[in-house]
Amino acid sequence: MSLQRKALFCLPLLLPAALTFPAAAQDGYTLEQVVVFSRHGLRATLASPSSALGKVTPDAWPQWDTPSSYLTTRGGVLEAYFGHYFSE
């Protein structure tokens, strides 16, 4: 994924904060810190055939290539994208 696509992906996350900064700058404030709240990434489900969640439905839960609750390969890639974006 190109840097431009990554930036476009992250833009909706940053846009609300960016809209408030010009007004704050006019009042003599300066930005010192940005806090980003994020979910924990794409993780494998906790459900398994023997778990409580696995027993409440007759349907089978998808099989993951990682252990339960671990970050998936795609989740790791997504976290890397965020890391590269914020380091720029």
PDB file of N, CA and C in Angstrom:
ATOM      1  N   MET A   1       0.849  -1.176   0.000  1.00  0.00           N
ATOM      2  CA  MET A   1       0.000   0.000   0.000  1.00  0.00           C
ATOM      3  C   MET A   1       0.895   1.240   0.000  1.00  0.00           C
ATOM      4  N   SER A   2       0.581   2.170  -0.854  1.00  0.00           N
ATOM      5  CA  SER A   2       1.403   3.368  -0.979  1.00  0.00           C
ATOM      6  C   SER A   2       1.180   4.303   0.210  1.00  0.00           C
ATOM      7  N   LEU A   3       2.118   5.204   0.403  1.00  0.00           N
ATOM      8  CA  LEU A   3       2.021   6.160   1.504  1.00  0.00           C
ATOM      9  C   LEU A   3       0.781   7.040   1.358  1.00  0.00           C
ATOM     10  N   GLN A   4       0.436   7.395   0.123  1.00  0.00           N
ATOM     11  CA  GLN A   4      -0.745   8.224  -0.101  1.00  0.00           C
ATOM     12  C   GLN A   4      -2.017   7.494   0.331  1.00  0.00           C
ATOM     13  N   ARG A   5      -2.093   6.195   0.012  1.00  0.00           N
ATOM     14  CA  ARG A   5      -3.278   5.428   0.405  1.00  0.00           C
ATOM     15  C   ARG A   5      -3.346   5.285   1.920  1.00  0.00           C
ATOM     16  N   LYS A   6      -2.190   5.115   2.543  1.00  0.00           N
ATOM     17  CA  LYS A   6      -2.153   5.017   3.998  1.00  0.00           C
ATOM     18  C   LYS A   6      -2.638   6.323   4.620  1.00  0.00           C
ATOM     19  N   ALA A   7      -2.174   7.433   4.072  1.00  0.00           N
ATOM     20  CA  ALA A   7      -2.578   8.738   4.600  1.00  0.00           C
ATOM     21  C   ALA A   7      -4.078   8.944   4.431  1.00  0.00           C
ATOM     22  N   LEU A   8      -4.617   8.541   3.289  1.00  0.00           N
ATOM     23  CA  LEU A   8      -6.058   8.660   3.072  1.00  0.00           C
ATOM     24  C   LEU A   8      -6.835   7.771   4.031  1.00  0.00           C
ATOM     25  N   PHE A   9      -6.274   6.604   4.364  1.00  0.00           N
ATOM     26  CA  PHE A   9      -6.913   5.709   5.313  1.00  0.00           C
ATOM     27  C   PHE A   9      -6.974   6.349   6.701  1.00  0.00           C
ATOM     28  N   CYS A  10      -5.918   7.032   7.092  1.00  0.00           N
ATOM     29  CA  CYS A  10      -5.837   7.626   8.426  1.00  0.00           C
ATOM     30  C   CYS A  10      -6.514   8.989   8.513  1.00  0.00           C
ATOM     31  N   LEU A  11      -6.775   9.620   7.392  1.00  0.00           N
ATOM     32  CA  LEU A  11      -7.341  10.959   7.388  1.00  0.00           C
ATOM     33  C   LEU A  11      -8.638  11.076   8.188  1.00  0.00           C
ATOM     34  N   PRO A  12      -9.601  10.148   8.033  1.00  0.00           N
ATOM     35  CA  PRO A  12     -10.826  10.292   8.833  1.00  0.00           C
ATOM     36  C   PRO A  12     -10.571  10.250  10.336  1.00  0.00           C
ATOM     37  N   LEU A  13      -9.501   9.599  10.759  1.00  0.00           N
ATOM     38  CA  LEU A  13      -9.185   9.545  12.179  1.00  0.00           C
ATOM     39  C   LEU A  13      -8.657  10.877  12.691  1.00  0.00           C
ATOM     40  N   LEU A  14      -7.957  11.596  11.840  1.00  0.00           N
ATOM     41  CA  LEU A  14      -7.295  12.831  12.262  1.00  0.00           C
ATOM     42  C   LEU A  14      -8.077  14.089  11.915  1.00  0.00           C
ATOM     43  N   LEU A  15      -9.022  13.983  10.999  1.00  0.00           N
ATOM     44  CA  LEU A  15      -9.740  15.151  10.514  1.00  0.00           C
ATOM     45  C   LEU A  15     -10.470  15.926  11.614  1.00  0.00           C
ATOM     46  N   PRO A  16     -11.207  15.267  12.522  1.00  0.00           N
ATOM     47  CA  PRO A  16     -11.898  16.054  13.560  1.00  0.00           C
ATOM     48  C   PRO A  16     -10.945  16.901  14.394  1.00  0.00           C
ATOM     49  N   ALA A  17      -9.790  16.356  14.741  1.00  0.00           N
ATOM     50  CA  ALA A  17      -8.830  17.123  15.534  1.00  0.00           C
ATOM     51  C   ALA A  17      -8.224  18.253  14.719  1.00  0.00           C
ATOM     52  N   ALA A  18      -7.967  18.009  13.439  1.00  0.00           N
ATOM     53  CA  ALA A  18      -7.345  19.025  12.588  1.00  0.00           C
ATOM     54  C   ALA A  18      -8.267  20.223  12.396  1.00  0.00           C
ATOM     55  N   LEU A  19      -9.558  20.007  12.401  1.00  0.00           N
ATOM     56  CA  LEU A  19     -10.495  21.102  12.201  1.00  0.00           C
ATOM     57  C   LEU A  19     -10.536  22.057  13.385  1.00  0.00           C
ATOM     58  N   THR A  20     -10.147  21.607  14.561  1.00  0.00           N
ATOM     59  CA  THR A  20     -10.209  22.471  15.738  1.00  0.00           C
ATOM     60  C   THR A  20      -8.920  23.249  15.974  1.00  0.00           C
ATOM     61  N   PHE A  21      -7.799  22.838  15.389  1.00  0.00           N
ATOM     62  CA  PHE A  21      -6.521  23.478  15.673  1.00  0.00           C
ATOM     63  C   PHE A  21      -6.407  24.919  15.179  1.00  0.00           C
ATOM     64  N   PRO A  22      -6.912  25.277  13.988  1.00  0.00           N
ATOM     65  CA  PRO A  22      -6.767  26.675  13.559  1.00  0.00           C
ATOM     66  C   PRO A  22      -7.423  27.657  14.525  1.00  0.00           C
ATOM     67  N   ALA A  23      -8.591  27.330  15.041  1.00  0.00           N
ATOM     68  CA  ALA A  23      -9.250  28.231  15.986  1.00  0.00           C
ATOM     69  C   ALA A  23      -8.442  28.338  17.275  1.00  0.00           C
ATOM     70  N   ALA A  24      -7.880  27.224  17.722  1.00  0.00           N
ATOM     71  CA  ALA A  24      -7.083  27.247  18.944  1.00  0.00           C
ATOM     72  C   ALA A  24      -5.807  28.058  18.743  1.00  0.00           C
ATOM     73  N   ALA A  25      -5.195  27.974  17.561  1.00  0.00           N
ATOM     74  CA  ALA A  25      -3.972  28.717  17.288  1.00  0.00           C
ATOM     75  C   ALA A  25      -4.242  30.215  17.297  1.00  0.00           C
ATOM     76  N   GLN A  26      -5.408  30.639  16.861  1.00  0.00           N
ATOM     77  CA  GLN A  26      -5.745  32.058  16.864  1.00  0.00           C
ATOM     78  C   GLN A  26      -5.894  32.589  18.283  1.00  0.00           C
ATOM     79  N   ASP A  27      -6.214  31.725  19.218  1.00  0.00           N
ATOM     80  CA  ASP A  27      -6.377  32.134  20.605  1.00  0.00           C
ATOM     81  C   ASP A  27      -5.071  32.086  21.384  1.00  0.00           C
ATOM     82  N   GLY A  28      -3.946  31.831  20.719  1.00  0.00           N
ATOM     83  CA  GLY A  28      -2.663  31.817  21.379  1.00  0.00           C
ATOM     84  C   GLY A  28      -2.249  30.467  21.934  1.00  0.00           C
ATOM     85  N   TYR A  29      -2.980  29.420  21.621  1.00  0.00           N
ATOM     86  CA  TYR A  29      -2.625  28.083  22.082  1.00  0.00           C
ATOM     87  C   TYR A  29      -1.692  27.414  21.084  1.00  0.00           C
ATOM     88  N   THR A  30      -0.847  26.529  21.579  1.00  0.00           N
ATOM     89  CA  THR A  30       0.012  25.742  20.704  1.00  0.00           C
ATOM     90  C   THR A  30      -0.194  24.271  21.034  1.00  0.00           C
ATOM     91  N   LEU A  31      -0.128  23.465  20.013  1.00  0.00           N
ATOM     92  CA  LEU A  31      -0.290  22.030  20.182  1.00  0.00           C
ATOM     93  C   LEU A  31       0.964  21.438  20.797  1.00  0.00           C
ATOM     94  N   GLU A  32       0.817  20.734  21.904  1.00  0.00           N
ATOM     95  CA  GLU A  32       1.949  20.113  22.579  1.00  0.00           C
ATOM     96  C   GLU A  32       1.952  18.606  22.436  1.00  0.00           C
ATOM     97  N   GLN A  33       0.774  18.024  22.303  1.00  0.00           N
ATOM     98  CA  GLN A  33       0.689  16.570  22.356  1.00  0.00           C
ATOM     99  C   GLN A  33      -0.576  16.113  21.639  1.00  0.00           C
ATOM    100  N   VAL A  34      -0.506  14.948  21.028  1.00  0.00           N
ATOM    101  CA  VAL A  34      -1.664  14.328  20.395  1.00  0.00           C
ATOM    102  C   VAL A  34      -1.803  12.922  20.967  1.00  0.00           C
ATOM    103  N   VAL A  35      -2.993  12.576  21.369  1.00  0.00           N
ATOM    104  CA  VAL A  35      -3.268  11.239  21.877  1.00  0.00           C
ATOM    105  C   VAL A  35      -4.183  10.549  20.880  1.00  0.00           C
ATOM    106  N   VAL A  36      -3.801   9.357  20.466  1.00  0.00           N
ATOM    107  CA  VAL A  36      -4.591   8.590  19.514  1.00  0.00           C
ATOM    108  C   VAL A  36      -5.190   7.395  20.243  1.00  0.00           C
ATOM    109  N   PHE A  37      -6.502   7.321  20.243  1.00  0.00           N
ATOM    110  CA  PHE A  37      -7.172   6.165  20.818  1.00  0.00           C
ATOM    111  C   PHE A  37      -7.452   5.185  19.696  1.00  0.00           C
ATOM    112  N   SER A  38      -7.080   3.960  19.921  1.00  0.00           N
ATOM    113  CA  SER A  38      -7.232   2.951  18.888  1.00  0.00           C
ATOM    114  C   SER A  38      -7.653   1.652  19.538  1.00  0.00           C
ATOM    115  N   ARG A  39      -8.382   0.863  18.785  1.00  0.00           N
ATOM    116  CA  ARG A  39      -8.696  -0.481  19.257  1.00  0.00           C
ATOM    117  C   ARG A  39      -7.445  -1.319  19.177  1.00  0.00           C
ATOM    118  N   HIS A  40      -7.522  -2.528  19.584  1.00  0.00           N
ATOM    119  CA  HIS A  40      -6.360  -3.395  19.712  1.00  0.00           C
ATOM    120  C   HIS A  40      -5.957  -4.077  18.420  1.00  0.00           C
ATOM    121  N   GLY A  41      -6.417  -3.629  17.294  1.00  0.00           N
ATOM    122  CA  GLY A  41      -6.033  -4.239  16.024  1.00  0.00           C
ATOM    123  C   GLY A  41      -6.887  -5.448  15.701  1.00  0.00           C
ATOM    124  N   LEU A  42      -6.545  -6.103  14.635  1.00  0.00           N
ATOM    125  CA  LEU A  42      -7.284  -7.292  14.219  1.00  0.00           C
ATOM    126  C   LEU A  42      -6.721  -8.501  14.951  1.00  0.00           C
ATOM    127  N   ARG A  43      -7.536  -9.065  15.813  1.00  0.00           N
ATOM    128  CA  ARG A  43      -7.098 -10.205  16.613  1.00  0.00           C
ATOM    129  C   ARG A  43      -7.988 -11.408  16.347  1.00  0.00           C
ATOM    130  N   ALA A  44      -7.423 -12.578  16.571  1.00  0.00           N
ATOM    131  CA  ALA A  44      -8.194 -13.818  16.418  1.00  0.00           C
ATOM    132  C   ALA A  44      -9.269 -13.868  17.501  1.00  0.00           C
ATOM    133  N   THR A  45     -10.392 -14.448  17.164  1.00  0.00           N
ATOM    134  CA  THR A  45     -11.509 -14.542  18.090  1.00  0.00           C
ATOM    135  C   THR A  45     -11.181 -15.422  19.293  1.00  0.00           C
ATOM    136  N   LEU A  46     -11.884 -15.188  20.381  1.00  0.00           N
ATOM    137  CA  LEU A  46     -11.725 -16.018  21.566  1.00  0.00           C
ATOM    138  C   LEU A  46     -12.557 -17.296  21.473  1.00  0.00           C
ATOM    139  N   ALA A  47     -13.483 -17.333  20.519  1.00  0.00           N
ATOM    140  CA  ALA A  47     -14.383 -18.476  20.399  1.00  0.00           C
ATOM    141  C   ALA A  47     -13.652 -19.689  19.834  1.00  0.00           C
ATOM    142  N   SER A  48     -13.975 -20.841  20.395  1.00  0.00           N
ATOM    143  CA  SER A  48     -13.485 -22.122  19.898  1.00  0.00           C
ATOM    144  C   SER A  48     -14.615 -23.126  20.110  1.00  0.00           C
ATOM    145  N   PRO A  49     -14.561 -24.287  19.501  1.00  0.00           N
ATOM    146  CA  PRO A  49     -15.654 -25.241  19.690  1.00  0.00           C
ATOM    147  C   PRO A  49     -15.899 -25.617  21.154  1.00  0.00           C
ATOM    148  N   SER A  50     -14.878 -25.570  21.991  1.00  0.00           N
ATOM    149  CA  SER A  50     -15.050 -25.952  23.398  1.00  0.00           C
ATOM    150  C   SER A  50     -15.366 -24.768  24.317  1.00  0.00           C
ATOM    151  N   SER A  51     -15.287 -23.538  23.809  1.00  0.00           N
ATOM    152  CA  SER A  51     -15.544 -22.362  24.654  1.00  0.00           C
ATOM    153  C   SER A  51     -17.048 -22.139  24.815  1.00  0.00           C
ATOM    154  N   ALA A  52     -17.413 -21.262  25.766  1.00  0.00           N
ATOM    155  CA  ALA A  52     -18.821 -20.929  25.979  1.00  0.00           C
ATOM    156  C   ALA A  52     -19.424 -20.329  24.710  1.00  0.00           C
ATOM    157  N   LEU A  53     -18.657 -19.480  24.029  1.00  0.00           N
ATOM    158  CA  LEU A  53     -19.152 -18.903  22.781  1.00  0.00           C
ATOM    159  C   LEU A  53     -19.335 -19.968  21.705  1.00  0.00           C
ATOM    160  N   GLY A  54     -18.464 -20.946  21.697  1.00  0.00           N
ATOM    161  CA  GLY A  54     -18.561 -22.011  20.711  1.00  0.00           C
ATOM    162  C   GLY A  54     -19.757 -22.918  20.927  1.00  0.00           C
ATOM    163  N   LYS A  55     -20.269 -22.964  22.154  1.00  0.00           N
ATOM    164  CA  LYS A  55     -21.387 -23.840  22.484  1.00  0.00           C
ATOM    165  C   LYS A  55     -22.754 -23.190  22.294  1.00  0.00           C
ATOM    166  N   VAL A  56     -22.816 -21.866  22.145  1.00  0.00           N
ATOM    167  CA  VAL A  56     -24.105 -21.183  22.051  1.00  0.00           C
ATOM    168  C   VAL A  56     -24.682 -21.182  20.638  1.00  0.00           C
ATOM    169  N   THR A  57     -23.936 -21.637  19.677  1.00  0.00           N
ATOM    170  CA  THR A  57     -24.429 -21.662  18.304  1.00  0.00           C
ATOM    171  C   THR A  57     -24.088 -23.004  17.668  1.00  0.00           C
ATOM    172  N   PRO A  58     -24.968 -23.484  16.813  1.00  0.00           N
ATOM    173  CA  PRO A  58     -24.647 -24.723  16.110  1.00  0.00           C
ATOM    174  C   PRO A  58     -23.665 -24.498  14.954  1.00  0.00           C
ATOM    175  N   ASP A  59     -23.472 -23.264  14.587  1.00  0.00           N
ATOM    176  CA  ASP A  59     -22.564 -22.934  13.483  1.00  0.00           C
ATOM    177  C   ASP A  59     -21.113 -22.994  13.953  1.00  0.00           C
ATOM    178  N   ALA A  60     -20.225 -23.287  13.031  1.00  0.00           N
ATOM    179  CA  ALA A  60     -18.792 -23.354  13.355  1.00  0.00           C
ATOM    180  C   ALA A  60     -18.177 -21.965  13.255  1.00  0.00           C
ATOM    181  N   TRP A  61     -17.306 -21.644  14.200  1.00  0.00           N
ATOM    182  CA  TRP A  61     -16.562 -20.393  14.148  1.00  0.00           C
ATOM    183  C   TRP A  61     -15.432 -20.542  13.145  1.00  0.00           C
ATOM    184  N   PRO A  62     -15.032 -19.449  12.499  1.00  0.00           N
ATOM    185  CA  PRO A  62     -13.917 -19.539  11.537  1.00  0.00           C
ATOM    186  C   PRO A  62     -12.625 -19.968  12.229  1.00  0.00           C
ATOM    187  N   GLN A  63     -11.790 -20.643  11.485  1.00  0.00           N
ATOM    188  CA  GLN A  63     -10.479 -21.041  11.998  1.00  0.00           C
ATOM    189  C   GLN A  63      -9.468 -19.942  11.677  1.00  0.00           C
ATOM    190  N   TRP A  64      -8.655 -19.580  12.642  1.00  0.00           N
ATOM    191  CA  TRP A  64      -7.655 -18.541  12.476  1.00  0.00           C
ATOM    192  C   TRP A  64      -6.274 -19.172  12.431  1.00  0.00           C
ATOM    193  N   ASP A  65      -5.331 -18.469  11.812  1.00  0.00           N
ATOM    194  CA  ASP A  65      -3.958 -18.979  11.750  1.00  0.00           C
ATOM    195  C   ASP A  65      -3.118 -18.547  12.953  1.00  0.00           C
ATOM    196  N   THR A  66      -3.744 -17.877  13.918  1.00  0.00           N
ATOM    197  CA  THR A  66      -3.052 -17.448  15.135  1.00  0.00           C
ATOM    198  C   THR A  66      -3.835 -17.944  16.345  1.00  0.00           C
ATOM    199  N   PRO A  67      -3.211 -18.059  17.501  1.00  0.00           N
ATOM    200  CA  PRO A  67      -3.939 -18.467  18.707  1.00  0.00           C
ATOM    201  C   PRO A  67      -4.999 -17.435  19.090  1.00  0.00           C
ATOM    202  N   SER A  68      -5.956 -17.840  19.895  1.00  0.00           N
ATOM    203  CA  SER A  68      -7.039 -16.947  20.326  1.00  0.00           C
ATOM    204  C   SER A  68      -6.489 -15.672  20.932  1.00  0.00           C
ATOM    205  N   SER A  69      -7.073 -14.568  20.545  1.00  0.00           N
ATOM    206  CA  SER A  69      -6.796 -13.200  21.006  1.00  0.00           C
ATOM    207  C   SER A  69      -5.442 -12.650  20.567  1.00  0.00           C
ATOM    208  N   TYR A  70      -4.666 -13.401  19.814  1.00  0.00           N
ATOM    209  CA  TYR A  70      -3.394 -12.891  19.306  1.00  0.00           C
ATOM    210  C   TYR A  70      -3.638 -11.996  18.090  1.00  0.00           C
ATOM    211  N   LEU A  71      -2.728 -11.071  17.870  1.00  0.00           N
ATOM    212  CA  LEU A  71      -2.798 -10.191  16.713  1.00  0.00           C
ATOM    213  C   LEU A  71      -2.599 -11.018  15.446  1.00  0.00           C
ATOM    214  N   THR A  72      -3.494 -10.840  14.480  1.00  0.00           N
ATOM    215  CA  THR A  72      -3.382 -11.578  13.226  1.00  0.00           C
ATOM    216  C   THR A  72      -2.299 -10.947  12.349  1.00  0.00           C
ATOM    217  N   THR A  73      -1.965 -11.634  11.287  1.00  0.00           N
ATOM    218  CA  THR A  73      -0.978 -11.095  10.340  1.00  0.00           C
ATOM    219  C   THR A  73      -1.461  -9.765   9.782  1.00  0.00           C
ATOM    220  N   ARG A  74      -2.720  -9.713   9.391  1.00  0.00           N
ATOM    221  CA  ARG A  74      -3.285  -8.464   8.864  1.00  0.00           C
ATOM    222  C   ARG A  74      -3.296  -7.372   9.930  1.00  0.00           C
ATOM    223  N   GLY A  75      -3.577  -7.739  11.167  1.00  0.00           N
ATOM    224  CA  GLY A  75      -3.547  -6.769  12.259  1.00  0.00           C
ATOM    225  C   GLY A  75      -2.153  -6.213  12.483  1.00  0.00           C
ATOM    226  N   GLY A  76      -1.138  -7.078  12.348  1.00  0.00           N
ATOM    227  CA  GLY A  76       0.246  -6.618  12.479  1.00  0.00           C
ATOM    228  C   GLY A  76       0.628  -5.650  11.377  1.00  0.00           C
ATOM    229  N   VAL A  77       0.162  -5.929  10.163  1.00  0.00           N
ATOM    230  CA  VAL A  77       0.421  -5.026   9.032  1.00  0.00           C
ATOM    231  C   VAL A  77      -0.249  -3.681   9.282  1.00  0.00           C
ATOM    232  N   LEU A  78      -1.475  -3.714   9.762  1.00  0.00           N
ATOM    233  CA  LEU A  78      -2.197  -2.471  10.041  1.00  0.00           C
ATOM    234  C   LEU A  78      -1.479  -1.646  11.109  1.00  0.00           C
ATOM    235  N   GLU A  79      -1.011  -2.299  12.160  1.00  0.00           N
ATOM    236  CA  GLU A  79      -0.275  -1.582  13.205  1.00  0.00           C
ATOM    237  C   GLU A  79       1.025  -0.995  12.648  1.00  0.00           C
ATOM    238  N   ALA A  80       1.676  -1.722  11.739  1.00  0.00           N
ATOM    239  CA  ALA A  80       2.899  -1.195  11.108  1.00  0.00           C
ATOM    240  C   ALA A  80       2.579   0.043  10.280  1.00  0.00           C
ATOM    241  N   TYR A  81       1.456   0.021   9.552  1.00  0.00           N
ATOM    242  CA  TYR A  81       1.048   1.204   8.781  1.00  0.00           C
ATOM    243  C   TYR A  81       0.868   2.412   9.694  1.00  0.00           C
ATOM    244  N   PHE A  82       0.200   2.204  10.821  1.00  0.00           N
ATOM    245  CA  PHE A  82       0.010   3.308  11.758  1.00  0.00           C
ATOM    246  C   PHE A  82       1.355   3.801  12.284  1.00  0.00           C
ATOM    247  N   GLY A  83       2.245   2.890  12.614  1.00  0.00           N
ATOM    248  CA  GLY A  83       3.562   3.276  13.110  1.00  0.00           C
ATOM    249  C   GLY A  83       4.340   4.101  12.099  1.00  0.00           C
ATOM    250  N   HIS A  84       4.329   3.666  10.846  1.00  0.00           N
ATOM    251  CA  HIS A  84       5.029   4.419   9.802  1.00  0.00           C
ATOM    252  C   HIS A  84       4.379   5.789   9.586  1.00  0.00           C
ATOM    253  N   TYR A  85       3.054   5.811   9.583  1.00  0.00           N
ATOM    254  CA  TYR A  85       2.353   7.083   9.368  1.00  0.00           C
ATOM    255  C   TYR A  85       2.706   8.085  10.470  1.00  0.00           C
ATOM    256  N   PHE A  86       2.624   7.640  11.719  1.00  0.00           N
ATOM    257  CA  PHE A  86       2.868   8.565  12.831  1.00  0.00           C
ATOM    258  C   PHE A  86       4.342   8.951  12.935  1.00  0.00           C
ATOM    259  N   SER A  87       5.242   8.100  12.481  1.00  0.00           N
ATOM    260  CA  SER A  87       6.660   8.471  12.531  1.00  0.00           C
ATOM    261  C   SER A  87       7.012   9.510  11.472  1.00  0.00           C
ATOM    262  N   GLU A  88       6.211   9.581  10.424  1.00  0.00           N
ATOM    263  CA  GLU A  88       6.441  10.604   9.396  1.00  0.00           C
ATOM    264  C   GLU A  88       6.072  11.956   9.963  1.00  0.00           C
TER     265      GLU A  88
END
